[in-house]
Amino acid sequence: MPFSKGKSGNPRGRPRKGETLTDLLREKLETTKTTRDKLTRKEKIAEKLLSLAESGDLGALRYVFDRLDGKPRETIEMENAALDEQLRRIMNGN
């Protein structure tokens, strides 16, 4: 038994909303740095990303295309003669 009887494995429980790093980042991205800024931080980051992509930055280009079109599917081919033979026998009913 990994935990003592009567003791919780997660004594502090689930973190409250707003306390996770993701929640804090989302909150900050929706704000502006100063009161005179017209764009949110998220909008500024998007502009910078597009600017990098337009200038030929391959990482930025890849990220933009992955976000817009989704990552391309990867196929994995496996060769196993014994497995292929077993599958053939199963499919043929032998």
PDB file of N, CA and C in Angstrom:
ATOM      1  N   MET A   1       0.849  -1.177   0.000  1.00  0.00           N
ATOM      2  CA  MET A   1       0.000   0.000   0.000  1.00  0.00           C
ATOM      3  C   MET A   1       0.897   1.243   0.000  1.00  0.00           C
ATOM      4  N   PRO A   2       0.771   2.137  -0.984  1.00  0.00           N
ATOM      5  CA  PRO A   2       1.676   3.280  -1.095  1.00  0.00           C
ATOM      6  C   PRO A   2       1.474   4.360  -0.028  1.00  0.00           C
ATOM      7  N   PHE A   3       0.259   4.506   0.504  1.00  0.00           N
ATOM      8  CA  PHE A   3      -0.015   5.551   1.481  1.00  0.00           C
ATOM      9  C   PHE A   3      -0.513   4.918   2.770  1.00  0.00           C
ATOM     10  N   SER A   4      -0.261   5.601   3.868  1.00  0.00           N
ATOM     11  CA  SER A   4      -0.770   5.118   5.150  1.00  0.00           C
ATOM     12  C   SER A   4      -2.282   5.197   5.146  1.00  0.00           C
ATOM     13  N   LYS A   5      -2.918   4.251   5.854  1.00  0.00           N
ATOM     14  CA  LYS A   5      -4.372   4.219   5.918  1.00  0.00           C
ATOM     15  C   LYS A   5      -4.882   5.504   6.567  1.00  0.00           C
ATOM     16  N   GLY A   6      -5.862   6.118   5.926  1.00  0.00           N
ATOM     17  CA  GLY A   6      -6.462   7.335   6.449  1.00  0.00           C
ATOM     18  C   GLY A   6      -5.751   8.613   6.046  1.00  0.00           C
ATOM     19  N   LYS A   7      -4.662   8.510   5.304  1.00  0.00           N
ATOM     20  CA  LYS A   7      -3.938   9.699   4.837  1.00  0.00           C
ATOM     21  C   LYS A   7      -4.161   9.878   3.346  1.00  0.00           C
ATOM     22  N   SER A   8      -4.402  11.104   2.939  1.00  0.00           N
ATOM     23  CA  SER A   8      -4.622  11.396   1.531  1.00  0.00           C
ATOM     24  C   SER A   8      -3.298  11.401   0.774  1.00  0.00           C
ATOM     25  N   GLY A   9      -3.352  10.924  -0.465  1.00  0.00           N
ATOM     26  CA  GLY A   9      -2.183  10.986  -1.333  1.00  0.00           C
ATOM     27  C   GLY A   9      -1.981  12.374  -1.903  1.00  0.00           C
ATOM     28  N   ASN A  10      -2.994  13.227  -1.749  1.00  0.00           N
ATOM     29  CA  ASN A  10      -2.935  14.597  -2.245  1.00  0.00           C
ATOM     30  C   ASN A  10      -3.494  15.521  -1.166  1.00  0.00           C
ATOM     31  N   PRO A  11      -2.732  15.738  -0.083  1.00  0.00           N
ATOM     32  CA  PRO A  11      -3.271  16.463   1.067  1.00  0.00           C
ATOM     33  C   PRO A  11      -3.672  17.911   0.789  1.00  0.00           C
ATOM     34  N   ARG A  12      -3.021  18.551  -0.170  1.00  0.00           N
ATOM     35  CA  ARG A  12      -3.367  19.949  -0.459  1.00  0.00           C
ATOM     36  C   ARG A  12      -4.513  20.044  -1.455  1.00  0.00           C
ATOM     37  N   GLY A  13      -4.858  18.942  -2.079  1.00  0.00           N
ATOM     38  CA  GLY A  13      -5.967  18.928  -3.028  1.00  0.00           C
ATOM     39  C   GLY A  13      -5.623  19.593  -4.343  1.00  0.00           C
ATOM     40  N   ARG A  14      -6.620  19.705  -5.188  1.00  0.00           N
ATOM     41  CA  ARG A  14      -6.450  20.339  -6.482  1.00  0.00           C
ATOM     42  C   ARG A  14      -6.233  21.841  -6.303  1.00  0.00           C
ATOM     43  N   PRO A  15      -5.312  22.447  -7.082  1.00  0.00           N
ATOM     44  CA  PRO A  15      -5.094  23.895  -6.926  1.00  0.00           C
ATOM     45  C   PRO A  15      -6.345  24.685  -7.317  1.00  0.00           C
ATOM     46  N   ARG A  16      -6.575  25.772  -6.621  1.00  0.00           N
ATOM     47  CA  ARG A  16      -7.717  26.618  -6.932  1.00  0.00           C
ATOM     48  C   ARG A  16      -7.548  27.256  -8.298  1.00  0.00           C
ATOM     49  N   LYS A  17      -8.654  27.599  -8.900  1.00  0.00           N
ATOM     50  CA  LYS A  17      -8.632  28.277 -10.192  1.00  0.00           C
ATOM     51  C   LYS A  17      -7.818  29.559 -10.058  1.00  0.00           C
ATOM     52  N   GLY A  18      -6.948  29.796 -11.014  1.00  0.00           N
ATOM     53  CA  GLY A  18      -6.156  31.016 -11.002  1.00  0.00           C
ATOM     54  C   GLY A  18      -4.790  30.847 -10.377  1.00  0.00           C
ATOM     55  N   GLU A  19      -4.529  29.696  -9.796  1.00  0.00           N
ATOM     56  CA  GLU A  19      -3.246  29.492  -9.147  1.00  0.00           C
ATOM     57  C   GLU A  19      -2.259  28.708 -10.012  1.00  0.00           C
ATOM     58  N   THR A  20      -2.730  28.150 -11.100  1.00  0.00           N
ATOM     59  CA  THR A  20      -1.814  27.397 -11.945  1.00  0.00           C
ATOM     60  C   THR A  20      -1.076  28.358 -12.875  1.00  0.00           C
ATOM     61  N   LEU A  21       0.061  27.925 -13.362  1.00  0.00           N
ATOM     62  CA  LEU A  21       0.846  28.757 -14.271  1.00  0.00           C
ATOM     63  C   LEU A  21       0.044  29.086 -15.534  1.00  0.00           C
ATOM     64  N   THR A  22      -0.681  28.108 -16.050  1.00  0.00           N
ATOM     65  CA  THR A  22      -1.491  28.339 -17.252  1.00  0.00           C
ATOM     66  C   THR A  22      -2.532  29.422 -17.005  1.00  0.00           C
ATOM     67  N   ASP A  23      -3.208  29.373 -15.863  1.00  0.00           N
ATOM     68  CA  ASP A  23      -4.207  30.398 -15.540  1.00  0.00           C
ATOM     69  C   ASP A  23      -3.575  31.783 -15.442  1.00  0.00           C
ATOM     70  N   LEU A  24      -2.411  31.850 -14.791  1.00  0.00           N
ATOM     71  CA  LEU A  24      -1.737  33.144 -14.649  1.00  0.00           C
ATOM     72  C   LEU A  24      -1.284  33.697 -15.995  1.00  0.00           C
ATOM     73  N   LEU A  25      -0.746  32.817 -16.847  1.00  0.00           N
ATOM     74  CA  LEU A  25      -0.316  33.270 -18.176  1.00  0.00           C
ATOM     75  C   LEU A  25      -1.504  33.767 -18.996  1.00  0.00           C
ATOM     76  N   ARG A  26      -2.596  33.012 -18.969  1.00  0.00           N
ATOM     77  CA  ARG A  26      -3.793  33.450 -19.722  1.00  0.00           C
ATOM     78  C   ARG A  26      -4.265  34.813 -19.262  1.00  0.00           C
ATOM     79  N   GLU A  27      -4.271  35.014 -17.957  1.00  0.00           N
ATOM     80  CA  GLU A  27      -4.707  36.297 -17.400  1.00  0.00           C
ATOM     81  C   GLU A  27      -3.793  37.432 -17.873  1.00  0.00           C
ATOM     82  N   LYS A  28      -2.478  37.202 -17.811  1.00  0.00           N
ATOM     83  CA  LYS A  28      -1.523  38.236 -18.222  1.00  0.00           C
ATOM     84  C   LYS A  28      -1.581  38.507 -19.723  1.00  0.00           C
ATOM     85  N   LEU A  29      -1.817  37.475 -20.533  1.00  0.00           N
ATOM     86  CA  LEU A  29      -1.869  37.657 -21.986  1.00  0.00           C
ATOM     87  C   LEU A  29      -3.046  38.521 -22.417  1.00  0.00           C
ATOM     88  N   GLU A  30      -4.095  38.535 -21.636  1.00  0.00           N
ATOM     89  CA  GLU A  30      -5.275  39.327 -21.992  1.00  0.00           C
ATOM     90  C   GLU A  30      -5.143  40.794 -21.594  1.00  0.00           C
ATOM     91  N   THR A  31      -4.069  41.143 -20.891  1.00  0.00           N
ATOM     92  CA  THR A  31      -3.891  42.527 -20.445  1.00  0.00           C
ATOM     93  C   THR A  31      -2.885  43.241 -21.349  1.00  0.00           C
ATOM     94  N   THR A  32      -2.800  44.551 -21.168  1.00  0.00           N
ATOM     95  CA  THR A  32      -1.777  45.345 -21.850  1.00  0.00           C
ATOM     96  C   THR A  32      -0.696  45.677 -20.836  1.00  0.00           C
ATOM     97  N   LYS A  33       0.499  46.008 -21.329  1.00  0.00           N
ATOM     98  CA  LYS A  33       1.597  46.351 -20.413  1.00  0.00           C
ATOM     99  C   LYS A  33       1.324  47.672 -19.703  1.00  0.00           C
ATOM    100  N   THR A  34       0.876  48.652 -20.465  1.00  0.00           N
ATOM    101  CA  THR A  34       0.581  49.960 -19.876  1.00  0.00           C
ATOM    102  C   THR A  34      -0.813  50.385 -20.292  1.00  0.00           C
ATOM    103  N   THR A  35      -1.309  51.419 -19.675  1.00  0.00           N
ATOM    104  CA  THR A  35      -2.655  51.887 -19.994  1.00  0.00           C
ATOM    105  C   THR A  35      -2.739  52.521 -21.377  1.00  0.00           C
ATOM    106  N   ARG A  36      -1.606  52.973 -21.918  1.00  0.00           N
ATOM    107  CA  ARG A  36      -1.646  53.610 -23.244  1.00  0.00           C
ATOM    108  C   ARG A  36      -1.458  52.613 -24.384  1.00  0.00           C
ATOM    109  N   ASP A  37      -1.106  51.362 -24.066  1.00  0.00           N
ATOM    110  CA  ASP A  37      -0.978  50.333 -25.113  1.00  0.00           C
ATOM    111  C   ASP A  37      -2.341  50.037 -25.726  1.00  0.00           C
ATOM    112  N   LYS A  38      -2.346  49.851 -27.039  1.00  0.00           N
ATOM    113  CA  LYS A  38      -3.599  49.544 -27.730  1.00  0.00           C
ATOM    114  C   LYS A  38      -3.786  48.049 -27.940  1.00  0.00           C
ATOM    115  N   LEU A  39      -2.681  47.290 -27.959  1.00  0.00           N
ATOM    116  CA  LEU A  39      -2.750  45.855 -28.184  1.00  0.00           C
ATOM    117  C   LEU A  39      -2.482  45.091 -26.894  1.00  0.00           C
ATOM    118  N   THR A  40      -3.180  43.963 -26.731  1.00  0.00           N
ATOM    119  CA  THR A  40      -2.901  43.108 -25.579  1.00  0.00           C
ATOM    120  C   THR A  40      -1.571  42.398 -25.804  1.00  0.00           C
ATOM    121  N   ARG A  41      -1.057  41.805 -24.767  1.00  0.00           N
ATOM    122  CA  ARG A  41       0.201  41.060 -24.887  1.00  0.00           C
ATOM    123  C   ARG A  41       0.048  39.920 -25.888  1.00  0.00           C
ATOM    124  N   LYS A  42      -1.100  39.266 -25.867  1.00  0.00           N
ATOM    125  CA  LYS A  42      -1.350  38.165 -26.804  1.00  0.00           C
ATOM    126  C   LYS A  42      -1.296  38.659 -28.249  1.00  0.00           C
ATOM    127  N   GLU A  43      -1.894  39.815 -28.509  1.00  0.00           N
ATOM    128  CA  GLU A  43      -1.869  40.384 -29.856  1.00  0.00           C
ATOM    129  C   GLU A  43      -0.454  40.769 -30.279  1.00  0.00           C
ATOM    130  N   LYS A  44       0.323  41.317 -29.339  1.00  0.00           N
ATOM    131  CA  LYS A  44       1.713  41.684 -29.649  1.00  0.00           C
ATOM    132  C   LYS A  44       2.543  40.447 -29.980  1.00  0.00           C
ATOM    133  N   ILE A  45       2.327  39.365 -29.228  1.00  0.00           N
ATOM    134  CA  ILE A  45       3.059  38.120 -29.480  1.00  0.00           C
ATOM    135  C   ILE A  45       2.683  37.561 -30.850  1.00  0.00           C
ATOM    136  N   ALA A  46       1.396  37.607 -31.183  1.00  0.00           N
ATOM    137  CA  ALA A  46       0.950  37.124 -32.491  1.00  0.00           C
ATOM    138  C   ALA A  46       1.584  37.941 -33.610  1.00  0.00           C
ATOM    139  N   GLU A  47       1.638  39.258 -33.439  1.00  0.00           N
ATOM    140  CA  GLU A  47       2.266  40.125 -34.438  1.00  0.00           C
ATOM    141  C   GLU A  47       3.740  39.773 -34.606  1.00  0.00           C
ATOM    142  N   LYS A  48       4.440  39.557 -33.497  1.00  0.00           N
ATOM    143  CA  LYS A  48       5.862  39.224 -33.547  1.00  0.00           C
ATOM    144  C   LYS A  48       6.074  37.874 -34.235  1.00  0.00           C
ATOM    145  N   LEU A  49       5.233  36.900 -33.905  1.00  0.00           N
ATOM    146  CA  LEU A  49       5.322  35.573 -34.520  1.00  0.00           C
ATOM    147  C   LEU A  49       5.136  35.659 -36.030  1.00  0.00           C
ATOM    148  N   LEU A  50       4.139  36.408 -36.464  1.00  0.00           N
ATOM    149  CA  LEU A  50       3.904  36.563 -37.895  1.00  0.00           C
ATOM    150  C   LEU A  50       5.046  37.314 -38.569  1.00  0.00           C
ATOM    151  N   SER A  51       5.599  38.297 -37.888  1.00  0.00           N
ATOM    152  CA  SER A  51       6.732  39.042 -38.431  1.00  0.00           C
ATOM    153  C   SER A  51       7.938  38.123 -38.625  1.00  0.00           C
ATOM    154  N   LEU A  52       8.200  37.267 -37.638  1.00  0.00           N
ATOM    155  CA  LEU A  52       9.303  36.306 -37.753  1.00  0.00           C
ATOM    156  C   LEU A  52       9.059  35.328 -38.905  1.00  0.00           C
ATOM    157  N   ALA A  53       7.819  34.860 -39.028  1.00  0.00           N
ATOM    158  CA  ALA A  53       7.481  33.928 -40.107  1.00  0.00           C
ATOM    159  C   ALA A  53       7.664  34.593 -41.466  1.00  0.00           C
ATOM    160  N   GLU A  54       7.229  35.848 -41.582  1.00  0.00           N
ATOM    161  CA  GLU A  54       7.366  36.574 -42.846  1.00  0.00           C
ATOM    162  C   GLU A  54       8.825  36.797 -43.213  1.00  0.00           C
ATOM    163  N   SER A  55       9.691  36.919 -42.197  1.00  0.00           N
ATOM    164  CA  SER A  55      11.111  37.150 -42.478  1.00  0.00           C
ATOM    165  C   SER A  55      11.856  35.851 -42.775  1.00  0.00           C
ATOM    166  N   GLY A  56      11.150  34.726 -42.713  1.00  0.00           N
ATOM    167  CA  GLY A  56      11.763  33.454 -43.082  1.00  0.00           C
ATOM    168  C   GLY A  56      12.203  32.575 -41.933  1.00  0.00           C
ATOM    169  N   ASP A  57      11.865  32.912 -40.709  1.00  0.00           N
ATOM    170  CA  ASP A  57      12.222  32.079 -39.558  1.00  0.00           C
ATOM    171  C   ASP A  57      11.452  30.758 -39.657  1.00  0.00           C
ATOM    172  N   LEU A  58      12.186  29.659 -39.887  1.00  0.00           N
ATOM    173  CA  LEU A  58      11.535  28.358 -40.106  1.00  0.00           C
ATOM    174  C   LEU A  58      10.756  27.868 -38.898  1.00  0.00           C
ATOM    175  N   GLY A  59      11.268  28.124 -37.712  1.00  0.00           N
ATOM    176  CA  GLY A  59      10.545  27.719 -36.503  1.00  0.00           C
ATOM    177  C   GLY A  59       9.204  28.425 -36.395  1.00  0.00           C
ATOM    178  N   ALA A  60       9.211  29.732 -36.676  1.00  0.00           N
ATOM    179  CA  ALA A  60       7.974  30.508 -36.622  1.00  0.00           C
ATOM    180  C   ALA A  60       7.013  30.061 -37.724  1.00  0.00           C
ATOM    181  N   LEU A  61       7.552  29.817 -38.916  1.00  0.00           N
ATOM    182  CA  LEU A  61       6.706  29.339 -40.017  1.00  0.00           C
ATOM    183  C   LEU A  61       6.047  28.016 -39.669  1.00  0.00           C
ATOM    184  N   ARG A  62       6.852  27.092 -39.151  1.00  0.00           N
ATOM    185  CA  ARG A  62       6.329  25.778 -38.784  1.00  0.00           C
ATOM    186  C   ARG A  62       5.238  25.911 -37.725  1.00  0.00           C
ATOM    187  N   TYR A  63       5.473  26.764 -36.729  1.00  0.00           N
ATOM    188  CA  TYR A  63       4.498  26.951 -35.661  1.00  0.00           C
ATOM    189  C   TYR A  63       3.187  27.514 -36.207  1.00  0.00           C
ATOM    190  N   VAL A  64       3.284  28.513 -37.066  1.00  0.00           N
ATOM    191  CA  VAL A  64       2.072  29.114 -37.639  1.00  0.00           C
ATOM    192  C   VAL A  64       1.287  28.077 -38.434  1.00  0.00           C
ATOM    193  N   PHE A  65       1.967  27.322 -39.296  1.00  0.00           N
ATOM    194  CA  PHE A  65       1.260  26.320 -40.094  1.00  0.00           C
ATOM    195  C   PHE A  65       0.685  25.209 -39.227  1.00  0.00           C
ATOM    196  N   ASP A  66       1.418  24.787 -38.197  1.00  0.00           N
ATOM    197  CA  ASP A  66       0.901  23.752 -37.302  1.00  0.00           C
ATOM    198  C   ASP A  66      -0.339  24.230 -36.568  1.00  0.00           C
ATOM    199  N   ARG A  67      -0.356  25.493 -36.183  1.00  0.00           N
ATOM    200  CA  ARG A  67      -1.526  26.029 -35.477  1.00  0.00           C
ATOM    201  C   ARG A  67      -2.719  26.200 -36.406  1.00  0.00           C
ATOM    202  N   LEU A  68      -2.468  26.563 -37.666  1.00  0.00           N
ATOM    203  CA  LEU A  68      -3.564  26.803 -38.600  1.00  0.00           C
ATOM    204  C   LEU A  68      -4.086  25.516 -39.231  1.00  0.00           C
ATOM    205  N   ASP A  69      -3.178  24.664 -39.685  1.00  0.00           N
ATOM    206  CA  ASP A  69      -3.573  23.464 -40.422  1.00  0.00           C
ATOM    207  C   ASP A  69      -3.485  22.188 -39.600  1.00  0.00           C
ATOM    208  N   GLY A  70      -2.897  22.243 -38.432  1.00  0.00           N
ATOM    209  CA  GLY A  70      -2.662  21.044 -37.644  1.00  0.00           C
ATOM    210  C   GLY A  70      -1.372  20.386 -38.090  1.00  0.00           C
ATOM    211  N   LYS A  71      -0.787  19.621 -37.191  1.00  0.00           N
ATOM    212  CA  LYS A  71       0.460  18.950 -37.531  1.00  0.00           C
ATOM    213  C   LYS A  71       0.180  17.843 -38.528  1.00  0.00           C
ATOM    214  N   PRO A  72       1.093  17.634 -39.476  1.00  0.00           N
ATOM    215  CA  PRO A  72       0.878  16.554 -40.436  1.00  0.00           C
ATOM    216  C   PRO A  72       0.928  15.203 -39.746  1.00  0.00           C
ATOM    217  N   ARG A  73       0.142  14.267 -40.270  1.00  0.00           N
ATOM    218  CA  ARG A  73       0.136  12.916 -39.711  1.00  0.00           C
ATOM    219  C   ARG A  73       1.441  12.216 -40.035  1.00  0.00           C
ATOM    220  N   GLU A  74       1.887  11.434 -39.086  1.00  0.00           N
ATOM    221  CA  GLU A  74       3.093  10.647 -39.295  1.00  0.00           C
ATOM    222  C   GLU A  74       2.677   9.186 -39.412  1.00  0.00           C
ATOM    223  N   THR A  75       3.225   8.518 -40.401  1.00  0.00           N
ATOM    224  CA  THR A  75       2.963   7.091 -40.535  1.00  0.00           C
ATOM    225  C   THR A  75       4.229   6.333 -40.195  1.00  0.00           C
ATOM    226  N   ILE A  76       4.022   5.233 -39.529  1.00  0.00           N
ATOM    227  CA  ILE A  76       5.144   4.407 -39.134  1.00  0.00           C
ATOM    228  C   ILE A  76       4.962   3.041 -39.774  1.00  0.00           C
ATOM    229  N   GLU A  77       5.953   2.641 -40.537  1.00  0.00           N
ATOM    230  CA  GLU A  77       5.911   1.322 -41.160  1.00  0.00           C
ATOM    231  C   GLU A  77       6.792   0.382 -40.367  1.00  0.00           C
ATOM    232  N   MET A  78       6.224  -0.775 -40.070  1.00  0.00           N
ATOM    233  CA  MET A  78       6.980  -1.769 -39.335  1.00  0.00           C
ATOM    234  C   MET A  78       7.054  -3.031 -40.179  1.00  0.00           C
ATOM    235  N   GLU A  79       8.203  -3.610 -40.193  1.00  0.00           N
ATOM    236  CA  GLU A  79       8.371  -4.849 -40.927  1.00  0.00           C
ATOM    237  C   GLU A  79       8.628  -5.969 -39.942  1.00  0.00           C
ATOM    238  N   ASN A  80       7.775  -6.958 -40.023  1.00  0.00           N
ATOM    239  CA  ASN A  80       7.943  -8.122 -39.185  1.00  0.00           C
ATOM    240  C   ASN A  80       7.341  -9.288 -39.953  1.00  0.00           C
ATOM    241  N   ALA A  81       8.191 -10.076 -40.566  1.00  0.00           N
ATOM    242  CA  ALA A  81       7.738 -11.167 -41.432  1.00  0.00           C
ATOM    243  C   ALA A  81       6.864 -12.154 -40.677  1.00  0.00           C
ATOM    244  N   ALA A  82       7.226 -12.484 -39.440  1.00  0.00           N
ATOM    245  CA  ALA A  82       6.444 -13.458 -38.668  1.00  0.00           C
ATOM    246  C   ALA A  82       5.046 -12.922 -38.390  1.00  0.00           C
ATOM    247  N   LEU A  83       4.949 -11.665 -38.016  1.00  0.00           N
ATOM    248  CA  LEU A  83       3.651 -11.060 -37.742  1.00  0.00           C
ATOM    249  C   LEU A  83       2.821 -10.979 -39.013  1.00  0.00           C
ATOM    250  N   ASP A  84       3.445 -10.581 -40.121  1.00  0.00           N
ATOM    251  CA  ASP A  84       2.735 -10.527 -41.398  1.00  0.00           C
ATOM    252  C   ASP A  84       2.161 -11.885 -41.769  1.00  0.00           C
ATOM    253  N   GLU A  85       2.927 -12.938 -41.557  1.00  0.00           N
ATOM    254  CA  GLU A  85       2.470 -14.294 -41.880  1.00  0.00           C
ATOM    255  C   GLU A  85       1.309 -14.690 -40.979  1.00  0.00           C
ATOM    256  N   GLN A  86       1.378 -14.364 -39.709  1.00  0.00           N
ATOM    257  CA  GLN A  86       0.276 -14.677 -38.785  1.00  0.00           C
ATOM    258  C   GLN A  86      -0.992 -13.939 -39.187  1.00  0.00           C
ATOM    259  N   LEU A  87      -0.868 -12.674 -39.547  1.00  0.00           N
ATOM    260  CA  LEU A  87      -2.035 -11.907 -39.981  1.00  0.00           C
ATOM    261  C   LEU A  87      -2.640 -12.479 -41.262  1.00  0.00           C
ATOM    262  N   ARG A  88      -1.791 -12.891 -42.190  1.00  0.00           N
ATOM    263  CA  ARG A  88      -2.291 -13.506 -43.426  1.00  0.00           C
ATOM    264  C   ARG A  88      -3.082 -14.771 -43.130  1.00  0.00           C
ATOM    265  N   ARG A  89      -2.561 -15.596 -42.217  1.00  0.00           N
ATOM    266  CA  ARG A  89      -3.258 -16.836 -41.864  1.00  0.00           C
ATOM    267  C   ARG A  89      -4.601 -16.514 -41.200  1.00  0.00           C
ATOM    268  N   ILE A  90      -4.620 -15.548 -40.318  1.00  0.00           N
ATOM    269  CA  ILE A  90      -5.874 -15.179 -39.659  1.00  0.00           C
ATOM    270  C   ILE A  90      -6.896 -14.675 -40.667  1.00  0.00           C
ATOM    271  N   MET A  91      -6.450 -13.836 -41.587  1.00  0.00           N
ATOM    272  CA  MET A  91      -7.356 -13.258 -42.589  1.00  0.00           C
ATOM    273  C   MET A  91      -7.870 -14.334 -43.540  1.00  0.00           C
ATOM    274  N   ASN A  92      -7.062 -15.355 -43.810  1.00  0.00           N
ATOM    275  CA  ASN A  92      -7.479 -16.424 -44.725  1.00  0.00           C
ATOM    276  C   ASN A  92      -8.232 -17.537 -43.992  1.00  0.00           C
ATOM    277  N   GLY A  93      -8.334 -17.452 -42.665  1.00  0.00           N
ATOM    278  CA  GLY A  93      -9.067 -18.450 -41.913  1.00  0.00           C
ATOM    279  C   GLY A  93      -8.308 -19.743 -41.673  1.00  0.00           C
ATOM    280  N   ASN A  94      -7.015 -19.737 -41.802  1.00  0.00           N
ATOM    281  CA  ASN A  94      -6.209 -20.954 -41.596  1.00  0.00           C
ATOM    282  C   ASN A  94      -5.609 -20.975 -40.223  1.00  0.00           C
TER     283      ASN A  94
END
